[in-house]
Amino acid sequence: MPLTTAIFDMDGLLIDSEPLWHEAFLEALSEWNVTMSDAEYATSVGLRTREFLHHWLPHFGLELSLVPVVDAEITRLVKEKIASRGQMLPGVAETLEKVRNRGLRMGLASSSPMSVIRTTLDRSGLHGAFDHIASAEHLPFAKPHPQVYMDCAMELDSRPVDCLCFEDSFNGLIAAKAARMRCVIVPAAIVYMEAKWGAADLILPSLEGFTDEMLGNFL
């Protein structure tokens, strides 16, 4: 199958924002003395914030009626943190250049709200890097549902089977594979050795290791 398109996740793949989301979650729930380890947080990476909260608030004995206000506060906090401290991850600029040099269409597909996406692109200087940006903010379902990837492919006039996705989370990997796309996975170090990444077409510890030869193998 010809590869025509590359679609990138954002948080944890292009920018080191996952620790900032974790911080924002804890700060937004600090009045209830909520704590969460890095390992616990990692199990829900890739979920949209409201799904994240629907999963975790009952675990901490909190009412789901808190979801709208906590969701809004987390979004406010994470935008502040990304704007002041977010850093583009190693190998991102080089990978985007490799993909663009091959003449592939380029998309961004994120579970984050569009306001967070804009903040991230401002901070990283990646405005203009993508031919289309898709957010799952207003979709009925976000990752691990494949809709945001399928929508992005459609807007790029690409068939899902002709797309290569770049992801860092298991929920994102499931979404990409459910959309019938190939997937390069770059997991966080804390979960890198887990067997579940075997569903990916390529696993890397960092995009620094993504070579032009690897990209050529997908073409």
Protein backbone atom coordinates (compact mmCIF):
# COMPACT_ATOMS: atom_id res chain seq x y z
CA MET A 1 0.00 0.00 0.00
CA PRO A 2 1.45 3.40 -0.93
CA LEU A 3 2.23 5.75 1.93
CA THR A 4 0.89 9.21 1.18
CA THR A 5 0.42 10.75 4.61
CA ALA A 6 1.99 11.05 8.06
CA ILE A 7 -0.19 11.98 11.04
CA PHE A 8 1.33 12.97 14.37
CA ASP A 9 0.00 12.89 17.91
CA MET A 10 1.01 15.93 19.97
CA ASP A 11 1.26 15.59 23.78
CA GLY A 12 4.21 13.46 24.79
CA LEU A 13 5.34 13.01 21.19
CA LEU A 14 6.07 16.49 19.85
CA ILE A 15 6.34 18.31 23.17
CA ASP A 16 7.16 17.16 26.72
CA SER A 17 3.71 18.08 28.02
CA GLU A 18 2.60 14.85 29.74
CA PRO A 19 4.33 15.77 33.05
CA LEU A 20 2.64 19.17 32.78
CA TRP A 21 -0.78 17.56 32.34
CA HIS A 22 -0.01 15.41 35.40
CA GLU A 23 0.91 18.51 37.41
CA ALA A 24 -2.22 20.33 36.27
CA PHE A 25 -4.41 17.39 37.30
CA LEU A 26 -2.91 17.28 40.78
CA GLU A 27 -3.12 21.06 41.22
CA ALA A 28 -6.74 21.17 40.07
CA LEU A 29 -7.61 18.50 42.67
CA SER A 30 -5.28 19.67 45.42
CA GLU A 31 -8.13 20.77 47.71
CA TRP A 32 -9.23 17.11 47.86
CA ASN A 33 -5.65 15.93 48.62
CA VAL A 34 -5.53 13.74 45.52
CA THR A 35 -2.20 12.09 44.72
CA MET A 36 -1.27 9.99 41.68
CA SER A 37 2.01 8.27 40.87
CA ASP A 38 3.71 8.52 37.49
CA ALA A 39 2.87 4.86 36.88
CA GLU A 40 -0.83 5.43 37.63
CA TYR A 41 -0.91 8.48 35.39
CA ALA A 42 0.76 6.56 32.56
CA THR A 43 -2.15 4.10 32.40
CA SER A 44 -4.46 6.85 31.15
CA VAL A 45 -2.16 8.80 28.82
CA GLY A 46 -3.88 9.60 25.52
CA LEU A 47 -7.37 9.97 26.96
CA ARG A 48 -9.30 13.20 26.62
CA THR A 49 -9.44 15.09 29.94
CA ARG A 50 -13.09 14.40 30.62
CA GLU A 51 -12.63 10.65 30.04
CA PHE A 52 -9.57 10.81 32.26
CA LEU A 53 -11.65 12.43 35.01
CA HIS A 54 -14.57 10.02 34.57
CA HIS A 55 -12.09 7.21 35.13
CA TRP A 56 -10.18 8.66 38.08
CA LEU A 57 -12.63 10.80 40.13
CA PRO A 58 -14.65 7.81 41.41
CA HIS A 59 -11.34 6.08 42.25
CA PHE A 60 -10.62 8.97 44.63
CA GLY A 61 -14.16 9.01 46.02
CA LEU A 62 -15.11 12.23 44.20
CA GLU A 63 -18.41 12.98 42.47
CA LEU A 64 -18.59 13.07 38.68
CA SER A 65 -20.47 16.38 38.99
CA LEU A 66 -16.99 17.90 39.45
CA VAL A 67 -15.92 16.96 35.91
CA PRO A 68 -16.85 20.21 34.07
CA VAL A 69 -15.18 22.59 36.54
CA VAL A 70 -12.08 20.42 37.03
CA ASP A 71 -11.77 19.89 33.27
CA ALA A 72 -11.80 23.66 32.69
CA GLU A 73 -9.25 24.26 35.44
CA ILE A 74 -6.90 21.57 34.13
CA THR A 75 -7.07 23.09 30.65
CA ARG A 76 -6.31 26.55 32.02
CA LEU A 77 -3.38 25.30 34.07
CA VAL A 78 -1.85 23.16 31.33
CA LYS A 79 -1.94 26.01 28.82
CA GLU A 80 -0.05 28.19 31.30
CA LYS A 81 2.50 25.45 31.92
CA ILE A 82 3.05 24.67 28.23
CA ALA A 83 3.36 28.36 27.36
CA SER A 84 6.06 28.87 29.99
CA ARG A 85 7.86 25.52 30.22
CA GLY A 86 6.95 23.25 27.32
CA GLN A 87 9.90 21.96 25.28
CA MET A 88 9.89 20.28 21.89
CA LEU A 89 11.15 16.73 22.26
CA PRO A 90 14.41 15.48 20.69
CA GLY A 91 14.20 14.43 17.06
CA VAL A 92 10.88 16.13 16.33
CA ALA A 93 12.16 18.82 13.97
CA GLU A 94 14.34 16.33 12.11
CA THR A 95 11.49 13.81 11.77
CA LEU A 96 9.10 16.45 10.43
CA GLU A 97 11.74 17.48 7.92
CA LYS A 98 12.31 13.87 6.79
CA VAL A 99 8.59 13.40 6.25
CA ARG A 100 8.17 16.69 4.39
CA ASN A 101 11.18 15.94 2.17
CA ARG A 102 9.47 12.72 1.06
CA GLY A 103 6.52 14.75 -0.19
CA LEU A 104 4.03 13.27 2.28
CA ARG A 105 0.97 15.15 3.47
CA MET A 106 1.26 15.95 7.17
CA GLY A 107 -1.44 16.03 9.81
CA LEU A 108 -1.78 16.49 13.56
CA ALA A 109 -4.42 14.47 15.43
CA SER A 110 -4.77 15.15 19.15
CA SER A 111 -7.22 14.44 21.95
CA SER A 112 -6.41 17.87 23.40
CA PRO A 113 -8.69 20.90 22.99
CA MET A 114 -7.87 23.18 20.08
CA SER A 115 -6.86 25.94 22.52
CA VAL A 116 -4.16 23.65 23.96
CA ILE A 117 -3.03 22.70 20.46
CA ARG A 118 -2.65 26.37 19.52
CA THR A 119 -0.68 27.06 22.72
CA THR A 120 1.61 24.11 21.97
CA LEU A 121 2.22 25.18 18.38
CA ASP A 122 2.96 28.73 19.57
CA ARG A 123 5.46 27.46 22.12
CA SER A 124 7.17 24.97 19.79
CA GLY A 125 7.21 27.16 16.70
CA LEU A 126 5.42 24.47 14.69
CA HIS A 127 2.69 26.66 13.22
CA GLY A 128 2.60 25.90 9.53
CA ALA A 129 4.23 22.48 9.91
CA PHE A 130 0.98 20.58 9.30
CA ASP A 131 -1.43 20.52 6.38
CA HIS A 132 -4.37 19.80 8.69
CA ILE A 133 -4.94 19.80 12.45
CA ALA A 134 -7.66 17.62 14.00
CA SER A 135 -8.82 17.78 17.62
CA ALA A 136 -11.09 15.26 19.32
CA GLU A 137 -12.40 18.03 21.60
CA HIS A 138 -15.94 17.97 20.20
CA LEU A 139 -16.12 14.41 18.88
CA PRO A 140 -18.47 11.91 20.56
CA PHE A 141 -15.44 9.75 21.34
CA ALA A 142 -11.70 10.44 21.54
CA LYS A 143 -8.73 8.06 21.48
CA PRO A 144 -8.67 5.05 21.74
CA HIS A 145 -11.57 5.54 19.29
CA PRO A 146 -10.13 6.05 15.78
CA GLN A 147 -12.39 8.93 14.70
CA VAL A 148 -9.87 11.76 15.13
CA TYR A 149 -7.37 9.89 12.95
CA MET A 150 -9.99 9.05 10.35
CA ASP A 151 -11.21 12.65 10.25
CA CYS A 152 -7.65 13.91 9.83
CA ALA A 153 -7.02 11.51 6.95
CA MET A 154 -10.26 12.53 5.25
CA GLU A 155 -9.36 16.23 5.47
CA LEU A 156 -5.97 15.39 3.93
CA ASP A 157 -7.74 13.51 1.10
CA SER A 158 -5.94 10.33 2.17
CA ARG A 159 -7.10 6.77 2.70
CA PRO A 160 -6.49 5.56 6.27
CA VAL A 161 -4.54 2.56 4.94
CA ASP A 162 -2.10 4.98 3.26
CA CYS A 163 -1.29 6.80 6.52
CA LEU A 164 1.58 6.40 8.99
CA CYS A 165 0.91 7.59 12.53
CA PHE A 166 3.40 8.67 15.17
CA GLU A 167 2.22 8.08 18.74
CA ASP A 168 3.48 7.83 22.31
CA SER A 169 0.49 6.29 24.13
CA PHE A 170 -1.24 2.93 24.09
CA ASN A 171 -4.62 4.62 23.65
CA GLY A 172 -3.21 6.41 20.61
CA LEU A 173 -1.75 3.19 19.23
CA ILE A 174 -5.14 1.48 19.54
CA ALA A 175 -6.78 4.43 17.75
CA ALA A 176 -4.27 4.35 14.90
CA LYS A 177 -4.56 0.60 14.40
CA ALA A 178 -8.37 0.70 14.62
CA ALA A 179 -8.24 3.26 11.80
CA ARG A 180 -6.15 0.70 9.81
CA MET A 181 -3.09 2.94 9.83
CA ARG A 182 0.52 1.95 10.38
CA CYS A 183 2.06 3.29 13.58
CA VAL A 184 5.46 4.29 14.95
CA ILE A 185 5.29 4.29 18.75
CA VAL A 186 7.61 6.31 21.01
CA PRO A 187 6.58 5.33 24.57
CA ALA A 188 7.68 7.05 27.74
CA ALA A 189 10.71 5.44 29.38
CA ILE A 190 8.66 4.25 32.38
CA VAL A 191 6.55 1.99 30.13
CA TYR A 192 8.94 1.38 27.21
CA MET A 193 9.59 -2.31 27.99
CA GLU A 194 5.93 -3.33 28.21
CA ALA A 195 4.84 -6.05 25.79
CA LYS A 196 1.74 -4.16 24.60
CA TRP A 197 3.79 -2.06 22.17
CA GLY A 198 4.19 -5.14 20.00
CA ALA A 199 1.08 -4.04 18.10
CA ALA A 200 3.07 -1.14 16.61
CA ASP A 201 4.93 -1.31 13.30
CA LEU A 202 8.02 0.28 14.85
CA ILE A 203 8.97 1.13 18.44
CA LEU A 204 11.60 3.73 19.33
CA PRO A 205 12.82 5.24 22.62
CA SER A 206 13.02 8.66 20.93
CA LEU A 207 12.31 10.27 17.57
CA GLU A 208 16.04 10.98 17.50
CA GLY A 209 16.37 7.38 16.35
CA PHE A 210 13.95 7.69 13.44
CA THR A 211 16.02 7.54 10.27
CA ASP A 212 15.29 8.29 6.64
CA GLU A 213 15.87 4.60 5.96
CA MET A 214 13.12 3.67 8.45
CA LEU A 215 10.75 6.08 6.73
CA GLY A 216 11.70 4.61 3.37
CA ASN A 217 10.75 1.14 4.60
CA PHE A 218 7.13 2.33 4.93
CA LEU A 219 6.98 3.78 1.41
